[in-house]
N, C-alpha and C. Protein backbone atom coordinates (compact mmCIF):
# COMPACT_ATOMS: atom_id res chain seq x y z
N GLN A 1 0.83 -1.08 0.16
CA GLN A 1 -0.19 -0.20 0.09
C GLN A 1 0.92 1.12 -0.01
N LEU A 2 0.72 2.26 -0.77
CA LEU A 2 1.77 3.00 -1.16
C LEU A 2 0.83 4.64 -0.29
N GLU A 3 1.44 5.11 0.42
CA GLU A 3 1.33 6.28 0.88
C GLU A 3 1.75 7.66 0.19
N GLY A 4 0.65 8.60 0.03
CA GLY A 4 0.79 10.08 -0.31
C GLY A 4 1.87 10.78 0.56
N ALA A 5 2.06 12.03 -0.09
CA ALA A 5 2.85 13.02 0.80
C ALA A 5 2.16 12.94 2.13
N ASP A 6 1.07 13.37 2.12
CA ASP A 6 0.05 13.47 3.38
C ASP A 6 0.01 12.33 4.25
N GLY A 7 0.46 11.23 3.93
CA GLY A 7 0.34 9.97 4.78
C GLY A 7 -0.87 9.17 4.87
N ARG A 8 -1.75 9.75 3.67
CA ARG A 8 -2.96 8.85 3.62
C ARG A 8 -2.57 8.00 2.61
N PRO A 9 -3.39 6.74 2.51
CA PRO A 9 -3.03 5.63 1.67
C PRO A 9 -3.56 6.24 0.06
N VAL A 10 -3.07 5.76 -0.62
CA VAL A 10 -2.88 6.12 -2.40
C VAL A 10 -3.93 5.06 -3.00
N PRO A 11 -4.89 5.42 -3.52
CA PRO A 11 -5.60 4.33 -4.10
C PRO A 11 -5.14 3.23 -5.33
N PRO A 12 -5.32 2.07 -5.29
CA PRO A 12 -4.68 1.26 -6.46
C PRO A 12 -4.69 2.12 -7.98
N GLU A 13 -5.92 2.56 -8.24
CA GLU A 13 -6.02 3.26 -9.72
C GLU A 13 -5.63 4.18 -9.79
N VAL A 14 -5.03 5.15 -8.92
CA VAL A 14 -4.35 6.30 -9.23
C VAL A 14 -2.75 6.03 -9.25
N VAL A 15 -2.34 4.88 -8.42
CA VAL A 15 -0.79 4.34 -8.80
C VAL A 15 -0.93 4.12 -10.40
N HIS A 16 -2.16 3.06 -10.83
CA HIS A 16 -2.00 2.43 -12.01
C HIS A 16 -1.52 3.35 -12.90
N ALA A 17 -2.44 4.46 -12.66
CA ALA A 17 -2.64 5.46 -13.95
C ALA A 17 -1.39 6.44 -13.84
N VAL A 18 -0.44 6.41 -12.61
CA VAL A 18 0.83 7.11 -12.64
C VAL A 18 1.58 6.14 -13.67
N GLU A 19 1.74 5.06 -13.24
CA GLU A 19 2.63 3.81 -13.79
C GLU A 19 2.25 4.00 -15.31
N LEU A 20 0.78 3.98 -15.80
CA LEU A 20 0.82 4.18 -17.15
C LEU A 20 1.52 5.16 -18.08
N ALA A 21 1.13 6.53 -16.81
CA ALA A 21 1.91 7.82 -17.62
C ALA A 21 3.46 7.51 -17.90
N ALA A 22 3.79 6.96 -17.01
CA ALA A 22 5.56 7.02 -16.93
C ALA A 22 6.00 5.76 -17.96
N LEU A 23 5.16 4.80 -18.43
CA LEU A 23 5.04 3.81 -19.20
C LEU A 23 5.19 4.81 -20.65
N LYS A 24 4.49 5.55 -21.04
CA LYS A 24 3.94 5.79 -21.87
C LYS A 24 5.14 7.20 -22.29
N ASP A 25 5.44 7.77 -21.28
CA ASP A 25 6.61 8.95 -21.43
C ASP A 25 7.90 8.11 -21.86
N GLU A 26 7.97 6.72 -21.64
CA GLU A 26 9.07 5.77 -21.79
C GLU A 26 9.11 5.64 -23.29
N PHE A 27 8.02 5.11 -23.41
CA PHE A 27 7.70 4.67 -24.85
C PHE A 27 7.86 5.81 -26.05
N ALA A 28 7.64 7.17 -25.10
CA ALA A 28 7.48 8.30 -26.22
C ALA A 28 9.23 8.74 -26.10
N THR A 29 10.11 8.54 -25.16
CA THR A 29 11.43 8.96 -25.22
C THR A 29 12.18 8.08 -26.51
N VAL A 30 11.77 6.64 -26.13
CA VAL A 30 12.59 5.73 -27.18
C VAL A 30 12.24 5.78 -28.66
N LYS A 31 11.03 5.88 -28.55
CA LYS A 31 10.61 6.34 -30.12
C LYS A 31 11.40 7.18 -30.52
N THR A 32 11.25 8.67 -29.78
CA THR A 32 12.27 9.58 -30.37
C THR A 32 13.24 9.23 -30.58
N THR A 33 14.12 8.73 -29.43
CA THR A 33 15.49 8.08 -30.10
C THR A 33 15.97 7.06 -31.42
N ALA A 34 14.54 6.49 -31.52
CA ALA A 34 14.79 5.55 -32.81
C ALA A 34 14.75 6.37 -34.05
N GLU A 35 13.68 7.54 -33.96
CA GLU A 35 13.57 8.40 -35.06
C GLU A 35 14.82 9.13 -35.10
N LEU A 36 15.37 9.17 -34.30
CA LEU A 36 16.56 10.04 -34.47
C LEU A 36 17.73 9.52 -35.04
N VAL A 37 17.82 8.03 -34.51
CA VAL A 37 18.85 7.47 -35.27
C VAL A 37 18.38 7.07 -36.66
N THR A 38 17.59 6.81 -36.66
CA THR A 38 16.99 6.34 -38.69
C THR A 38 17.30 7.87 -39.20
N ALA A 39 16.90 9.22 -38.64
CA ALA A 39 17.38 10.04 -39.24
C ALA A 39 18.78 10.43 -39.54
N THR A 40 19.59 10.13 -38.76
CA THR A 40 20.90 9.91 -38.80
C THR A 40 21.57 9.56 -39.81
N ASP A 41 20.84 7.96 -39.99
CA ASP A 41 21.41 6.72 -40.63
C ASP A 41 21.58 7.46 -42.00
N SER A 42 20.10 8.06 -42.76
CA SER A 42 19.85 8.40 -43.86
C SER A 42 20.39 9.36 -44.77
């Protein structure tokens, strides 16, 4: 069970939403890097 900054428990769905957002950011970064590599190769 995670706790927020105020010490109250964080609902699982909130934790899940944050993890999903973090994953999307990671994939976006990877995609951007791949696009840069492709652009450099051509």
